[in-house]
N, C-alpha and C. Protein backbone atom coordinates (compact mmCIF):
# COMPACT_ATOMS: atom_id res chain seq x y z
N SER A 1 -0.86 -20.77 15.71
CA SER A 1 -0.09 -21.48 14.98
C SER A 1 0.58 -20.78 13.90
N PRO A 2 1.58 -21.15 13.52
CA PRO A 2 2.37 -20.61 12.13
C PRO A 2 1.27 -20.95 11.06
N PHE A 3 0.77 -21.90 10.89
CA PHE A 3 -0.33 -22.13 9.77
C PHE A 3 -1.55 -21.09 9.76
N GLU A 4 -2.01 -20.83 11.06
CA GLU A 4 -3.09 -19.84 11.19
C GLU A 4 -2.54 -18.80 10.87
N ARG A 5 -1.32 -18.27 11.00
CA ARG A 5 -0.89 -16.95 10.59
C ARG A 5 -0.49 -16.73 9.23
N MET A 6 -0.09 -17.91 8.57
CA MET A 6 0.05 -17.94 7.12
C MET A 6 -1.32 -17.97 6.27
N ARG A 7 -2.49 -18.39 6.96
CA ARG A 7 -3.85 -18.09 6.11
C ARG A 7 -4.26 -16.63 6.12
N VAL A 8 -3.84 -15.92 7.55
CA VAL A 8 -4.23 -14.60 7.57
C VAL A 8 -3.30 -13.52 6.73
N LEU A 9 -1.90 -14.07 6.64
CA LEU A 9 -1.24 -13.23 5.60
C LEU A 9 -1.16 -13.66 4.25
N ASN A 10 -1.93 -14.59 3.86
CA ASN A 10 -1.92 -14.95 2.51
C ASN A 10 -3.27 -15.87 2.20
N PRO A 11 -4.27 -15.17 2.41
CA PRO A 11 -5.81 -15.57 2.41
C PRO A 11 -6.08 -16.25 1.13
N ALA A 12 -6.64 -17.02 0.74
CA ALA A 12 -7.45 -17.63 -0.40
C ALA A 12 -8.16 -16.67 -1.01
N PRO A 13 -8.35 -16.38 -2.27
CA PRO A 13 -9.03 -15.65 -2.98
C PRO A 13 -10.58 -15.95 -2.69
N GLU A 14 -11.17 -15.07 -2.83
CA GLU A 14 -12.92 -15.20 -2.99
C GLU A 14 -13.50 -15.67 -3.98
N PRO A 15 -14.06 -16.78 -4.08
CA PRO A 15 -14.35 -17.32 -5.34
C PRO A 15 -15.68 -16.26 -5.97
N ALA A 16 -16.36 -15.86 -5.03
CA ALA A 16 -17.73 -14.93 -5.60
C ALA A 16 -17.17 -13.61 -6.17
N ARG A 17 -16.02 -13.14 -5.74
CA ARG A 17 -15.22 -11.91 -6.28
C ARG A 17 -14.68 -12.21 -7.57
N LEU A 18 -13.97 -13.29 -7.64
CA LEU A 18 -13.47 -13.54 -9.02
C LEU A 18 -14.18 -13.85 -10.02
N ARG A 19 -15.39 -14.45 -9.81
CA ARG A 19 -16.71 -14.75 -10.71
C ARG A 19 -17.20 -13.34 -10.96
N ALA A 20 -17.36 -12.12 -10.33
CA ALA A 20 -18.08 -10.68 -10.55
C ALA A 20 -16.92 -10.26 -11.26
N ILE A 21 -15.45 -10.49 -10.92
CA ILE A 21 -14.32 -9.95 -12.10
C ILE A 21 -14.50 -10.19 -13.15
N GLU A 22 -14.74 -11.74 -13.50
CA GLU A 22 -14.48 -12.29 -14.73
C GLU A 22 -15.88 -11.82 -15.53
N ARG A 23 -16.95 -11.46 -14.54
CA ARG A 23 -18.30 -11.25 -15.52
C ARG A 23 -18.44 -9.90 -15.87
N ASN A 24 -17.75 -9.06 -15.12
CA ASN A 24 -17.51 -7.59 -15.57
C ASN A 24 -16.66 -7.11 -16.30
N PHE A 25 -15.32 -8.07 -16.60
CA PHE A 25 -14.61 -7.69 -17.78
C PHE A 25 -14.95 -8.09 -18.76
N LYS A 26 -15.80 -9.00 -18.73
CA LYS A 26 -16.72 -9.67 -20.26
C LYS A 26 -17.61 -8.46 -20.48
N GLN A 27 -18.14 -7.93 -19.62
CA GLN A 27 -19.14 -6.94 -20.05
C GLN A 27 -18.58 -5.89 -20.80
N LEU A 28 -17.27 -5.65 -20.11
CA LEU A 28 -16.72 -4.24 -20.56
C LEU A 28 -16.14 -4.45 -21.66
N PHE A 29 -15.73 -5.91 -22.00
CA PHE A 29 -14.81 -6.14 -23.40
C PHE A 29 -15.43 -7.19 -23.82
N PRO A 30 -16.61 -7.07 -24.51
CA PRO A 30 -17.48 -8.49 -25.17
C PRO A 30 -16.78 -9.40 -26.10
N ARG A 31 -15.53 -8.57 -26.63
CA ARG A 31 -14.54 -9.33 -27.46
C ARG A 31 -14.18 -10.71 -26.88
N PHE A 32 -13.87 -10.61 -25.38
CA PHE A 32 -13.12 -11.60 -24.73
C PHE A 32 -14.30 -12.46 -23.91
N GLU A 33 -15.36 -12.70 -24.34
CA GLU A 33 -16.33 -13.33 -23.99
C GLU A 33 -16.08 -14.85 -23.59
N LYS A 34 -15.05 -15.29 -24.50
CA LYS A 34 -14.48 -16.88 -24.06
C LYS A 34 -13.44 -16.86 -23.05
N ALA A 35 -12.97 -15.32 -22.89
CA ALA A 35 -11.89 -15.69 -21.89
C ALA A 35 -12.21 -16.05 -20.41
N ARG A 36 -11.35 -16.91 -19.94
CA ARG A 36 -11.65 -17.62 -18.38
C ARG A 36 -10.11 -17.13 -17.62
N LEU A 37 -10.71 -16.84 -16.48
CA LEU A 37 -9.59 -16.48 -15.46
C LEU A 37 -8.73 -17.73 -15.20
N LYS A 38 -7.44 -17.60 -15.36
CA LYS A 38 -6.59 -18.74 -15.03
C LYS A 38 -5.91 -18.78 -13.94
N VAL A 39 -5.80 -17.85 -12.97
CA VAL A 39 -5.38 -17.81 -11.78
C VAL A 39 -5.79 -16.72 -10.92
N GLY A 40 -5.90 -17.11 -9.37
CA GLY A 40 -6.79 -15.89 -8.46
C GLY A 40 -5.80 -16.16 -7.54
N TRP A 41 -5.59 -14.81 -6.92
CA TRP A 41 -4.70 -14.42 -5.87
C TRP A 41 -5.47 -13.70 -4.62
N GLY A 42 -5.22 -14.07 -3.31
CA GLY A 42 -5.84 -13.16 -2.22
C GLY A 42 -4.34 -12.79 -1.69
N GLY A 43 -4.24 -11.42 -1.06
CA GLY A 43 -3.38 -11.29 -0.14
C GLY A 43 -3.60 -10.02 0.62
N MET A 44 -2.63 -9.55 1.28
CA MET A 44 -3.06 -8.55 2.37
C MET A 44 -2.70 -7.21 1.88
N ILE A 45 -3.36 -5.99 1.99
CA ILE A 45 -3.04 -4.77 1.77
C ILE A 45 -2.12 -4.19 2.62
N ASP A 46 -0.74 -3.67 2.38
CA ASP A 46 -0.17 -3.17 3.51
C ASP A 46 -0.42 -1.66 3.55
N ALA A 47 -1.62 -1.24 4.64
CA ALA A 47 -1.77 0.12 5.00
C ALA A 47 -1.51 0.53 6.23
N MET A 48 -1.30 1.94 6.48
CA MET A 48 -1.24 2.07 7.90
C MET A 48 -2.39 2.28 8.60
N PRO A 49 -2.51 2.63 9.88
CA PRO A 49 -4.10 2.80 10.33
C PRO A 49 -4.89 3.47 9.82
N ASP A 50 -4.18 5.09 9.43
CA ASP A 50 -5.05 6.02 8.72
C ASP A 50 -4.81 6.03 7.30
N VAL A 51 -4.35 4.93 6.63
CA VAL A 51 -4.63 4.99 5.25
C VAL A 51 -3.54 5.48 4.57
N VAL A 52 -2.67 6.11 5.41
CA VAL A 52 -1.46 7.40 4.68
C VAL A 52 -0.05 6.61 5.03
N PRO A 53 0.73 6.58 3.87
CA PRO A 53 2.11 6.20 4.13
C PRO A 53 2.58 6.68 5.05
N VAL A 54 3.71 5.96 5.75
CA VAL A 54 4.88 6.50 6.33
C VAL A 54 6.11 6.60 5.52
N VAL A 55 6.58 7.95 5.67
CA VAL A 55 7.92 8.15 4.93
C VAL A 55 8.41 9.31 5.64
N ASP A 56 9.66 8.70 6.53
CA ASP A 56 10.24 9.72 7.46
C ASP A 56 11.64 9.05 8.13
N ARG A 57 12.24 9.74 8.79
CA ARG A 57 13.42 9.08 9.61
C ARG A 57 13.01 8.98 10.95
N VAL A 58 13.72 7.86 11.09
CA VAL A 58 12.99 7.22 12.68
C VAL A 58 14.13 8.07 13.49
N GLN A 59 13.81 9.25 14.42
CA GLN A 59 14.48 10.05 15.07
C GLN A 59 15.40 9.27 16.13
N ALA A 60 14.61 7.96 16.81
CA ALA A 60 15.22 7.23 17.96
C ALA A 60 16.17 6.33 17.31
N THR A 61 16.50 6.15 16.06
CA THR A 61 17.40 5.34 15.70
C THR A 61 18.01 5.99 14.41
N GLY A 62 19.41 6.30 14.71
CA GLY A 62 20.36 6.98 13.82
C GLY A 62 20.39 6.50 12.55
N GLY A 63 20.30 7.32 11.40
CA GLY A 63 20.36 6.63 10.06
C GLY A 63 19.25 5.72 9.28
N LEU A 64 18.33 5.37 10.36
CA LEU A 64 17.21 4.51 9.63
C LEU A 64 16.15 5.50 9.23
N PHE A 65 15.68 5.26 8.02
CA PHE A 65 14.64 5.81 7.24
C PHE A 65 13.66 4.74 6.94
N VAL A 66 12.17 5.30 6.65
CA VAL A 66 11.28 4.28 6.65
C VAL A 66 10.15 4.89 5.45
N ALA A 67 10.00 4.20 4.67
CA ALA A 67 8.99 4.36 3.49
C ALA A 67 7.80 3.33 3.15
N THR A 68 6.69 3.28 3.80
CA THR A 68 6.09 1.95 3.80
C THR A 68 4.70 2.12 3.69
N GLY A 69 3.55 1.35 3.57
CA GLY A 69 2.13 1.79 3.81
C GLY A 69 1.52 2.15 2.66
N MET A 70 2.39 2.04 1.28
CA MET A 70 1.58 2.79 0.32
C MET A 70 1.15 1.61 -0.71
N SER A 71 0.60 0.28 0.07
CA SER A 71 -0.01 -0.69 -0.81
C SER A 71 0.05 -0.80 -2.22
N GLY A 72 -0.97 -1.01 -2.95
CA GLY A 72 -0.53 -1.03 -4.45
C GLY A 72 -0.17 0.15 -5.21
N HIS A 73 -0.52 1.24 -4.23
CA HIS A 73 0.05 2.47 -5.08
C HIS A 73 1.46 2.70 -4.96
N GLY A 74 2.48 1.81 -4.59
CA GLY A 74 3.78 2.03 -4.37
C GLY A 74 4.19 1.67 -5.64
N PHE A 75 3.62 0.66 -6.70
CA PHE A 75 3.97 0.40 -8.16
C PHE A 75 3.85 1.96 -8.92
N GLY A 76 2.91 2.62 -8.86
CA GLY A 76 2.78 3.89 -9.32
C GLY A 76 3.61 5.19 -8.94
N ILE A 77 3.49 5.34 -7.54
CA ILE A 77 4.13 6.13 -7.13
C ILE A 77 5.56 5.95 -6.79
N GLY A 78 5.92 4.83 -6.97
CA GLY A 78 7.47 4.12 -6.50
C GLY A 78 8.41 5.04 -7.24
N PRO A 79 8.44 5.46 -8.37
CA PRO A 79 9.78 6.04 -8.69
C PRO A 79 9.78 7.61 -8.16
N GLY A 80 8.71 8.16 -8.19
CA GLY A 80 8.54 9.45 -7.45
C GLY A 80 9.01 9.68 -6.08
N MET A 81 8.51 8.55 -5.29
CA MET A 81 8.77 8.25 -4.08
C MET A 81 10.35 8.03 -3.67
N GLY A 82 10.88 7.15 -4.72
CA GLY A 82 12.31 7.00 -4.56
C GLY A 82 13.21 7.86 -4.52
N ARG A 83 12.73 8.91 -5.66
CA ARG A 83 13.52 10.32 -5.68
C ARG A 83 13.51 11.26 -4.51
N VAL A 84 12.13 11.41 -3.85
CA VAL A 84 11.82 11.96 -2.52
C VAL A 84 12.58 11.31 -1.37
N VAL A 85 12.58 9.90 -1.52
CA VAL A 85 13.40 9.30 -0.03
C VAL A 85 14.79 9.55 -0.29
N SER A 86 15.40 9.05 -1.58
CA SER A 86 16.73 9.45 -1.61
C SER A 86 17.29 10.96 -1.41
N ASP A 87 16.35 11.91 -1.76
CA ASP A 87 16.93 13.12 -1.51
C ASP A 87 16.81 13.43 0.19
N MET A 88 15.69 12.66 0.80
CA MET A 88 15.74 12.84 2.35
C MET A 88 16.96 12.01 2.99
N ILE A 89 17.42 10.96 2.47
CA ILE A 89 18.35 10.24 3.17
C ILE A 89 19.75 11.10 3.01
N GLN A 90 19.59 12.07 1.81
CA GLN A 90 20.83 12.95 1.41
C GLN A 90 20.74 13.92 1.90
N GLY A 91 19.82 14.42 2.70
CA GLY A 91 19.82 15.79 3.46
C GLY A 91 19.38 16.77 2.42
N ASN A 92 19.16 16.28 1.28
CA ASN A 92 18.52 17.32 0.26
C ASN A 92 17.16 17.74 0.70
N ASP A 93 16.83 18.84 -0.21
CA ASP A 93 15.36 19.31 0.07
C ASP A 93 14.35 18.54 -0.86
N THR A 94 13.49 18.03 -0.41
CA THR A 94 12.76 17.10 -1.12
C THR A 94 11.85 17.64 -2.18
N GLY A 95 11.35 18.82 -1.81
CA GLY A 95 10.73 19.84 -2.71
C GLY A 95 9.09 19.58 -2.30
N HIS A 96 9.02 18.90 -1.14
CA HIS A 96 7.53 18.64 -0.75
C HIS A 96 7.32 18.67 0.76
N ASP A 97 6.29 19.04 0.99
CA ASP A 97 5.56 18.96 2.19
C ASP A 97 5.52 17.52 2.78
N LEU A 98 6.53 16.84 3.50
CA LEU A 98 6.22 15.52 4.28
C LEU A 98 5.27 15.40 5.36
N SER A 99 5.02 16.45 5.99
CA SER A 99 4.56 16.44 7.45
C SER A 99 3.25 15.32 7.56
N ARG A 100 2.40 15.10 6.43
CA ARG A 100 1.65 14.14 6.58
C ARG A 100 2.02 12.66 6.77
N PHE A 101 3.14 12.75 6.34
CA PHE A 101 3.53 11.13 6.09
C PHE A 101 4.62 10.89 7.40
N ARG A 102 4.89 11.82 8.44
CA ARG A 102 5.66 11.54 9.40
C ARG A 102 5.13 10.66 10.47
N LEU A 103 6.15 9.69 10.75
CA LEU A 103 5.84 8.38 11.89
C LEU A 103 5.42 8.93 13.01
N PRO A 104 5.93 9.91 13.89
CA PRO A 104 5.34 10.29 15.27
C PRO A 104 3.86 10.47 15.38
N ARG A 105 3.18 10.50 14.36
CA ARG A 105 1.86 10.73 14.33
C ARG A 105 0.89 9.78 14.85
N PHE A 106 1.59 8.58 15.07
CA PHE A 106 1.02 7.59 15.69
C PHE A 106 1.36 7.39 17.10
N TYR A 107 2.06 8.49 17.40
CA TYR A 107 2.26 8.20 19.08
C TYR A 107 2.58 9.89 19.66
N ASP A 108 2.29 10.93 18.96
CA ASP A 108 2.44 12.06 19.50
C ASP A 108 1.36 13.02 19.95
N GLY A 109 0.28 12.26 19.87
CA GLY A 109 -1.00 12.72 20.18
C GLY A 109 -1.91 13.46 19.12
N SER A 110 -1.04 13.50 18.04
CA SER A 110 -2.16 13.90 16.98
C SER A 110 -3.42 13.22 16.57
N PRO A 111 -4.33 14.07 16.31
CA PRO A 111 -5.39 13.31 15.96
C PRO A 111 -5.36 12.71 14.71
N VAL A 112 -6.10 11.56 14.45
CA VAL A 112 -5.92 10.45 13.55
C VAL A 112 -7.01 11.25 12.20
N ARG A 113 -6.10 11.46 11.18
CA ARG A 113 -7.22 12.10 9.95
C ARG A 113 -6.84 11.03 8.90
N LEU A 114 -8.09 10.09 8.61
CA LEU A 114 -8.00 9.26 7.78
C LEU A 114 -7.49 9.74 6.33
N GLY A 115 -6.97 9.24 5.91
CA GLY A 115 -6.58 9.51 4.02
C GLY A 115 -7.64 8.76 3.48
N PRO A 116 -7.11 8.84 1.86
CA PRO A 116 -8.39 8.43 0.92
C PRO A 116 -8.52 6.99 1.10
N ALA A 117 -9.77 6.37 0.85
CA ALA A 117 -10.07 5.19 1.19
C ALA A 117 -9.67 4.32 0.19
N LEU A 118 -9.23 3.14 0.73
CA LEU A 118 -8.71 1.90 -0.17
C LEU A 118 -9.77 1.18 -1.28
């Protein structure tokens, strides 16, 4: 049902983890002993099956480029990745070997090589 799907895509935060985060924060920063978490959020991590982003031109569809699967890392690497994707779209040299990020790795028989753990 649509409601079941919503729960999967937007899960409730885990109360035990929230309590642990609050406790650990206070241990690291004793001056904030009286601080309380105001809001908690749970959500999905957008990662590819091998935990490596896809940054590639989709050969079967002219003019389509994909840059996804960066999870929260996209916030940190977004400016650099934006430049790389911009260069890729313009046909410029990206200055980087992007073979590890190619889309066909999921269907061309390449062995699955897991990236860094989340």
